[in-house]
Each structure stands twice: as C-alpha cells, then as structure tokens.
Amino acid sequence: MSLTSQQKKQLKEVAHKRKPVIIVGKSGLSSNVYAEIDQALSHHELIKVKLAGVDREQRGTLIEAILAATAAEEVQAIGGIVVLYRAPKKGAPKIKLE
C-alpha cells in the first residue's frame, strides 16, 4: 500500500502530538530493535522513531533498513525523527485513512 499525499498529511497531523516510542542509539539497529519497532507498529500503527547520534547519511541508510525489515511506510523524516506507518495485518485499523 502506498500512501497518498492526503493520507500522509493526515498521518502527520496525528503524529505531531506523539513522542518517539523507539530510540536508536549509536550502536545502531539490532534484531531486538527491529522486534521493538515491529511490535510498536503492530500495536500503534503510527510511531515516531528517534535516530540519535547518527549523521544524515547514516539516517537515510537506517531508515531504509527499518522500512525493508518492517514493511512500514515513511510518513515524514525531520532531523533525527522519522514517522512510520503500517496498516494492521488483521482487524480494523485504529487510524481511519481518507
């Protein structure tokens, strides 16, 4: 599923009030971090991830790795914060997209 610009705008509004639920430190991504991101996406659908202590090039690489591993979509990336969305695999979605 690819998000439209209207859906991304809607998700950005919802994400604005939220705090990062996952913080990726200098040690980078591990299987435990991937599992936590996957679990958070399953529970919340829309999450913020903070990429602390990495430069711009590393952020891009980390974001791509997260997206590939979790089947999530990037809604927005500002500085060291990335907003991710993944529709629920089963059950009704918590966030109704237009």
C-alpha atoms as a PDB file:
ATOM      1  CA  MET A   1       0.000   0.000   0.000  1.00  0.00           C
ATOM      2  CA  SER A   2       1.384   3.350  -0.986  1.00  0.00           C
ATOM      3  CA  LEU A   3       0.215   6.390   0.927  1.00  0.00           C
ATOM      4  CA  THR A   4      -1.238   9.333  -0.966  1.00  0.00           C
ATOM      5  CA  SER A   5      -0.174  12.879  -0.147  1.00  0.00           C
ATOM      6  CA  GLN A   6      -3.547  13.471   1.550  1.00  0.00           C
ATOM      7  CA  GLN A   7      -3.079  10.375   3.727  1.00  0.00           C
ATOM      8  CA  LYS A   8       0.462  11.455   4.644  1.00  0.00           C
ATOM      9  CA  LYS A   9      -0.859  14.876   5.618  1.00  0.00           C
ATOM     10  CA  GLN A  10      -3.498  13.241   7.820  1.00  0.00           C
ATOM     11  CA  LEU A  11      -0.901  10.980   9.462  1.00  0.00           C
ATOM     12  CA  LYS A  12       1.474  13.910  10.069  1.00  0.00           C
ATOM     13  CA  GLU A  13      -1.307  15.700  11.955  1.00  0.00           C
ATOM     14  CA  VAL A  14      -1.903  12.641  14.128  1.00  0.00           C
ATOM     15  CA  ALA A  15       1.827  12.081  14.712  1.00  0.00           C
ATOM     16  CA  HIS A  16       2.517  15.694  15.659  1.00  0.00           C
ATOM     17  CA  LYS A  17       1.354  15.200  19.271  1.00  0.00           C
ATOM     18  CA  ARG A  18       3.155  11.898  19.756  1.00  0.00           C
ATOM     19  CA  LYS A  19       6.549  11.295  21.320  1.00  0.00           C
ATOM     20  CA  PRO A  20       9.156   8.872  19.935  1.00  0.00           C
ATOM     21  CA  VAL A  21       8.489   5.343  21.196  1.00  0.00           C
ATOM     22  CA  ILE A  22      11.783   3.874  19.952  1.00  0.00           C
ATOM     23  CA  ILE A  23      15.233   5.447  20.213  1.00  0.00           C
ATOM     24  CA  VAL A  24      18.026   4.034  18.070  1.00  0.00           C
ATOM     25  CA  GLY A  25      21.402   4.886  19.596  1.00  0.00           C
ATOM     26  CA  LYS A  26      24.964   4.883  18.305  1.00  0.00           C
ATOM     27  CA  SER A  27      25.082   1.083  18.395  1.00  0.00           C
ATOM     28  CA  GLY A  28      22.558   1.084  15.559  1.00  0.00           C
ATOM     29  CA  LEU A  29      19.943  -1.474  14.665  1.00  0.00           C
ATOM     30  CA  SER A  30      19.873  -4.923  16.181  1.00  0.00           C
ATOM     31  CA  SER A  31      17.366  -7.732  15.999  1.00  0.00           C
ATOM     32  CA  ASN A  32      15.908  -6.523  19.305  1.00  0.00           C
ATOM     33  CA  VAL A  33      15.398  -3.005  17.946  1.00  0.00           C
ATOM     34  CA  TYR A  34      13.715  -4.395  14.816  1.00  0.00           C
ATOM     35  CA  ALA A  35      11.454  -6.511  17.031  1.00  0.00           C
ATOM     36  CA  GLU A  36      10.522  -3.488  19.176  1.00  0.00           C
ATOM     37  CA  ILE A  37       9.728  -1.389  16.094  1.00  0.00           C
ATOM     38  CA  ASP A  38       7.633  -4.219  14.649  1.00  0.00           C
ATOM     39  CA  GLN A  39       5.757  -4.661  17.926  1.00  0.00           C
ATOM     40  CA  ALA A  40       5.140  -0.907  18.272  1.00  0.00           C
ATOM     41  CA  LEU A  41       3.817  -0.721  14.700  1.00  0.00           C
ATOM     42  CA  SER A  42       1.526  -3.680  15.331  1.00  0.00           C
ATOM     43  CA  HIS A  43       0.136  -2.018  18.444  1.00  0.00           C
ATOM     44  CA  HIS A  44       0.011   1.665  17.432  1.00  0.00           C
ATOM     45  CA  GLU A  45       0.105   1.636  13.576  1.00  0.00           C
ATOM     46  CA  LEU A  46       1.788   5.073  13.620  1.00  0.00           C
ATOM     47  CA  ILE A  47       5.011   5.646  15.562  1.00  0.00           C
ATOM     48  CA  LYS A  48       7.933   8.015  15.844  1.00  0.00           C
ATOM     49  CA  VAL A  49      11.466   6.655  15.943  1.00  0.00           C
ATOM     50  CA  LYS A  50      14.373   8.807  17.107  1.00  0.00           C
ATOM     51  CA  LEU A  51      17.711   8.151  15.423  1.00  0.00           C
ATOM     52  CA  ALA A  52      20.174   9.565  17.951  1.00  0.00           C
ATOM     53  CA  GLY A  53      23.853  10.123  17.373  1.00  0.00           C
ATOM     54  CA  VAL A  54      23.946   9.438  13.628  1.00  0.00           C
ATOM     55  CA  ASP A  55      24.739  11.737  10.727  1.00  0.00           C
ATOM     56  CA  ARG A  56      22.498  12.477   7.735  1.00  0.00           C
ATOM     57  CA  GLU A  57      23.905   9.720   5.501  1.00  0.00           C
ATOM     58  CA  GLN A  58      23.578   7.106   8.221  1.00  0.00           C
ATOM     59  CA  ARG A  59      19.996   8.220   8.924  1.00  0.00           C
ATOM     60  CA  GLY A  60      18.989   7.520   5.335  1.00  0.00           C
ATOM     61  CA  THR A  61      20.552   4.079   5.472  1.00  0.00           C
ATOM     62  CA  LEU A  62      18.930   3.282   8.826  1.00  0.00           C
ATOM     63  CA  ILE A  63      15.503   4.439   7.624  1.00  0.00           C
ATOM     64  CA  GLU A  64      15.730   2.274   4.505  1.00  0.00           C
ATOM     65  CA  ALA A  65      16.751  -0.731   6.610  1.00  0.00           C
ATOM     66  CA  ILE A  66      13.835  -0.196   9.008  1.00  0.00           C
ATOM     67  CA  LEU A  67      11.348   0.152   6.154  1.00  0.00           C
ATOM     68  CA  ALA A  68      12.612  -3.012   4.483  1.00  0.00           C
ATOM     69  CA  ALA A  69      12.577  -5.052   7.689  1.00  0.00           C
ATOM     70  CA  THR A  70       9.170  -3.952   8.972  1.00  0.00           C
ATOM     71  CA  ALA A  71       7.138  -3.375   5.772  1.00  0.00           C
ATOM     72  CA  ALA A  72       6.287   0.090   7.110  1.00  0.00           C
ATOM     73  CA  GLU A  73       5.976   3.304   5.151  1.00  0.00           C
ATOM     74  CA  GLU A  74       7.801   6.523   5.873  1.00  0.00           C
ATOM     75  CA  VAL A  75       5.373   9.342   6.532  1.00  0.00           C
ATOM     76  CA  GLN A  76       7.903  12.016   7.421  1.00  0.00           C
ATOM     77  CA  ALA A  77      11.543  12.431   8.408  1.00  0.00           C
ATOM     78  CA  ILE A  78      12.684  15.608  10.112  1.00  0.00           C
ATOM     79  CA  GLY A  79      16.164  15.705  11.585  1.00  0.00           C
ATOM     80  CA  GLY A  80      16.659  12.620  13.696  1.00  0.00           C
ATOM     81  CA  ILE A  81      12.942  11.777  13.955  1.00  0.00           C
ATOM     82  CA  VAL A  82      11.166   9.529  11.465  1.00  0.00           C
ATOM     83  CA  VAL A  83       7.429   8.851  11.469  1.00  0.00           C
ATOM     84  CA  LEU A  84       6.432   5.352  10.341  1.00  0.00           C
ATOM     85  CA  TYR A  85       3.035   3.901   9.466  1.00  0.00           C
ATOM     86  CA  ARG A  86       1.949   0.339   8.855  1.00  0.00           C
ATOM     87  CA  ALA A  87      -1.641  -0.722   8.294  1.00  0.00           C
ATOM     88  CA  PRO A  88      -2.774  -3.567  10.550  1.00  0.00           C
ATOM     89  CA  LYS A  89      -2.365  -7.066   9.152  1.00  0.00           C
ATOM     90  CA  LYS A  90      -5.668  -8.158  10.656  1.00  0.00           C
ATOM     91  CA  GLY A  91      -8.543  -6.462  12.366  1.00  0.00           C
ATOM     92  CA  ALA A  92      -9.901  -2.977  11.967  1.00  0.00           C
ATOM     93  CA  PRO A  93      -7.417  -0.113  11.677  1.00  0.00           C
ATOM     94  CA  LYS A  94      -7.169   2.305  14.611  1.00  0.00           C
ATOM     95  CA  ILE A  95      -6.441   5.189  12.241  1.00  0.00           C
ATOM     96  CA  LYS A  96      -9.037   5.689   9.517  1.00  0.00           C
ATOM     97  CA  LEU A  97      -7.294   6.988   6.399  1.00  0.00           C
ATOM     98  CA  GLU A  98      -9.204   9.099   3.923  1.00  0.00           C
END
